[in-house]
Every structure is written in structure tokens, then in C-alpha cells.
Amino acid sequence: MADIVAQAKSWVLRYGSHPTILLVNGTRENRYIYLPDFPNEQKITFMFGVGKRKAELGNVGSLNKLFLIMEAWQGKNITIRPSQDPNRIEVLVISCLDLATQEQSVTCLEYIRDAKGILREIKVVTLPDGQTVAKAESPLLPAFVAGYTHR
């Protein structure tokens, strides 16, 4: 996870934002899949389809780890949508599924922009318990795996 976080930070500091991508780490090779049309709805179906299409190419081998990297809003008020929260922060979310352990984890990087909207800093979000990586449960990466292994 640390290498992926470092790569993502470098990209964001260079370009000011990060595209939504899926990094597929396999036994034969690694692949970045750009997901510019990542949907707001039907995400599970979308990820299943991406997994199925990737398996049809047959160039990754068995899956080791998956990383989904995407920008998002993180709200401070749980009663409203993050995009509507005036105190929201802009983050880069990096989630990981380790196929060997079936464990999912997530980390967030906060974008710090100046008054003109220019990115000046990116910092790891520290959780209330002091951790920077948390266990997670999301259906998105397992949906990719289901599509990838679907016969």
C-alpha cells in the first residue's frame, strides 16, 4: 500500500488531480485500467463488467492485489451527502483488496488547495484511532474479482 500511496501522491502533486484507476496486480503482470466513466450508480455491475473484460484479455494471470484510486468528497456531517457539506474535504481514496487474505483496506489523502484552487499540499488523513490505513468493506473490488473469475 505504501508504494501505491507514494505513486499517487507524486501524480497528484505533478498534475493537480488523479484519474480514477484500477491497478490490477497479477501473477503475470500488472495493469492500470483507467476508468474515466466511473458511474455514480450501478458501480457493482460496472466493476463486474470491467473484471470480465480484463479476464478476456488473459494477460494478467491470477490476481494478487487490486487497488482502486479515485477522488471524492469526504464530509464532516453524516446527515448530508459529502458533496453538499460546506465543511467537506477533497480527498484521494485508495482502497486495496489482497486476494491472498481477502482483506480490504483503505487510506485517504487530503488535498490542500490555495484560494485560487491550486494544489499546494497533499497529506494522509489520520483516523481518530491514530491509524492512516483502515480495514474496509466495499463490494466494488470483490465485484471486479467476480467478473474476472466468471466463466
Protein backbone atom coordinates (compact mmCIF):
# COMPACT_ATOMS: atom_id res chain seq x y z
CA MET A 1 0.00 0.00 0.00
CA ALA A 2 2.83 2.43 0.85
CA ASP A 3 4.26 2.27 -2.69
CA ILE A 4 0.86 2.93 -4.26
CA VAL A 5 0.24 5.88 -1.90
CA ALA A 6 3.64 7.35 -2.79
CA GLN A 7 2.97 6.97 -6.53
CA ALA A 8 -0.48 8.54 -6.18
CA LYS A 9 0.88 11.48 -4.16
CA SER A 10 3.56 12.08 -6.77
CA TRP A 11 0.97 12.04 -9.57
CA VAL A 12 -1.37 14.45 -7.76
CA LEU A 13 1.42 16.89 -6.90
CA ARG A 14 2.57 16.87 -10.52
CA TYR A 15 -0.84 17.16 -12.24
CA GLY A 16 -3.14 18.63 -9.56
CA SER A 17 -5.61 15.75 -9.64
CA HIS A 18 -5.75 11.99 -10.15
CA PRO A 19 -7.79 9.98 -12.64
CA THR A 20 -9.92 7.13 -11.38
CA ILE A 21 -7.87 3.99 -11.98
CA LEU A 22 -7.78 0.36 -11.01
CA LEU A 23 -4.35 -1.21 -10.56
CA VAL A 24 -4.51 -4.94 -11.14
CA ASN A 25 -1.53 -6.83 -9.70
CA GLY A 26 -1.36 -10.31 -11.21
CA THR A 27 0.98 -13.27 -11.39
CA ARG A 28 1.96 -12.45 -14.99
CA GLU A 29 1.91 -8.67 -14.99
CA ASN A 30 0.41 -5.52 -13.54
CA ARG A 31 -2.08 -3.37 -15.40
CA TYR A 32 -3.52 0.07 -14.86
CA ILE A 33 -7.11 0.37 -16.02
CA TYR A 34 -8.28 3.94 -16.47
CA LEU A 35 -11.93 4.38 -15.50
CA PRO A 36 -12.84 7.87 -16.76
CA ASP A 37 -16.54 7.00 -16.92
CA PHE A 38 -16.85 5.55 -13.43
CA PRO A 39 -20.60 5.74 -12.74
CA ASN A 40 -22.39 7.31 -9.81
CA GLU A 41 -24.87 4.43 -9.82
CA GLN A 42 -24.63 0.75 -10.78
CA LYS A 43 -20.99 0.68 -9.61
CA ILE A 44 -21.05 -3.02 -8.72
CA THR A 45 -22.35 -4.02 -12.16
CA PHE A 46 -19.77 -1.73 -13.76
CA MET A 47 -16.87 -3.29 -11.79
CA PHE A 48 -18.10 -6.81 -12.62
CA GLY A 49 -18.03 -5.87 -16.32
CA VAL A 50 -14.54 -4.39 -16.06
CA GLY A 51 -13.32 -7.61 -14.40
CA LYS A 52 -14.92 -9.75 -17.08
CA ARG A 53 -13.38 -7.70 -19.90
CA LYS A 54 -9.94 -7.81 -18.26
CA ALA A 55 -10.15 -11.61 -17.90
CA GLU A 56 -11.00 -11.95 -21.60
CA LEU A 57 -7.66 -10.31 -22.45
CA GLY A 58 -5.87 -13.02 -20.47
CA ASN A 59 -2.68 -11.07 -19.82
CA VAL A 60 -2.69 -10.56 -16.03
CA GLY A 61 -2.72 -14.15 -14.76
CA SER A 62 -4.06 -14.91 -11.31
CA LEU A 63 -4.99 -11.89 -9.22
CA ASN A 64 -2.80 -10.93 -6.25
CA LYS A 65 -3.97 -7.45 -5.25
CA LEU A 66 -6.30 -4.78 -6.56
CA PHE A 67 -6.09 -1.06 -5.88
CA LEU A 68 -8.89 1.37 -6.71
CA ILE A 69 -7.79 5.00 -6.71
CA MET A 70 -10.37 7.76 -7.00
CA GLU A 71 -11.05 11.32 -5.97
CA ALA A 72 -14.00 12.04 -3.71
CA TRP A 73 -15.51 14.44 -1.22
CA GLN A 74 -15.35 13.48 2.43
CA GLY A 75 -18.00 15.12 4.57
CA LYS A 76 -17.83 16.10 8.21
CA ASN A 77 -21.61 15.90 8.72
CA ILE A 78 -23.02 12.38 8.36
CA THR A 79 -26.60 13.62 7.93
CA ILE A 80 -25.99 15.09 4.46
CA ARG A 81 -24.22 13.98 1.30
CA PRO A 82 -20.50 14.84 1.32
CA SER A 83 -20.86 16.90 -1.86
CA GLN A 84 -23.41 19.11 -0.05
CA ASP A 85 -21.40 19.52 3.18
CA PRO A 86 -19.89 23.03 3.35
CA ASN A 87 -17.11 21.64 5.57
CA ARG A 88 -16.21 18.77 3.23
CA ILE A 89 -12.66 17.99 2.24
CA GLU A 90 -11.36 16.86 -1.14
CA VAL A 91 -9.62 13.50 -0.88
CA LEU A 92 -7.97 10.81 -2.90
CA VAL A 93 -9.25 7.43 -1.74
CA ILE A 94 -7.01 4.40 -2.23
CA SER A 95 -8.64 1.08 -1.50
CA CYS A 96 -6.95 -2.30 -1.68
CA LEU A 97 -8.10 -5.90 -1.81
CA ASP A 98 -5.47 -8.51 -1.00
CA LEU A 99 -6.67 -11.72 -2.66
CA ALA A 100 -4.46 -13.95 -0.50
CA THR A 101 -6.04 -12.78 2.75
CA GLN A 102 -9.36 -11.47 1.34
CA GLU A 103 -8.78 -8.34 3.44
CA GLN A 104 -9.72 -4.89 2.24
CA SER A 105 -8.08 -1.70 3.43
CA VAL A 106 -8.40 1.98 2.63
CA THR A 107 -6.43 5.17 3.08
CA CYS A 108 -7.32 8.76 2.22
CA LEU A 109 -5.14 11.67 1.17
CA GLU A 110 -6.48 15.19 1.70
CA TYR A 111 -5.90 17.81 -0.98
CA ILE A 112 -4.91 21.23 0.34
CA ARG A 113 -5.58 23.96 -2.24
CA ASP A 114 -4.93 27.69 -2.06
CA ALA A 115 -7.60 30.37 -2.62
CA LYS A 116 -7.10 30.07 -6.39
CA GLY A 117 -7.71 26.32 -6.31
CA ILE A 118 -4.09 25.39 -6.94
CA LEU A 119 -2.98 22.24 -5.14
CA ARG A 120 -0.30 23.14 -2.59
CA GLU A 121 -0.10 20.04 -0.42
CA ILE A 122 -1.45 16.55 -0.04
CA LYS A 123 -1.49 14.85 3.32
CA VAL A 124 -2.55 11.49 4.68
CA VAL A 125 -5.79 11.64 6.64
CA THR A 126 -5.28 10.33 10.16
CA LEU A 127 -8.18 8.41 11.64
CA PRO A 128 -9.46 9.04 15.19
CA ASP A 129 -7.52 6.00 16.45
CA GLY A 130 -4.27 7.38 15.01
CA GLN A 131 -4.13 4.98 12.08
CA THR A 132 -3.74 6.05 8.46
CA VAL A 133 -4.91 2.78 6.90
CA ALA A 134 -8.22 1.25 7.95
CA LYS A 135 -9.90 -2.05 7.32
CA ALA A 136 -12.72 -1.63 4.85
CA GLU A 137 -15.67 -3.45 3.42
CA SER A 138 -16.77 -2.47 -0.05
CA PRO A 139 -18.42 -4.55 -2.77
CA LEU A 140 -16.53 -2.83 -5.61
CA LEU A 141 -13.24 -4.76 -5.68
CA PRO A 142 -14.94 -8.12 -4.97
CA ALA A 143 -17.27 -7.33 -7.91
CA PHE A 144 -14.22 -6.97 -10.16
CA VAL A 145 -12.92 -10.33 -8.90
CA ALA A 146 -16.33 -11.94 -9.53
CA GLY A 147 -16.31 -10.65 -13.10
CA TYR A 148 -12.70 -11.70 -13.60
CA THR A 149 -13.35 -15.26 -12.43
CA HIS A 150 -16.80 -15.57 -14.06
CA ARG A 151 -16.90 -18.33 -16.66
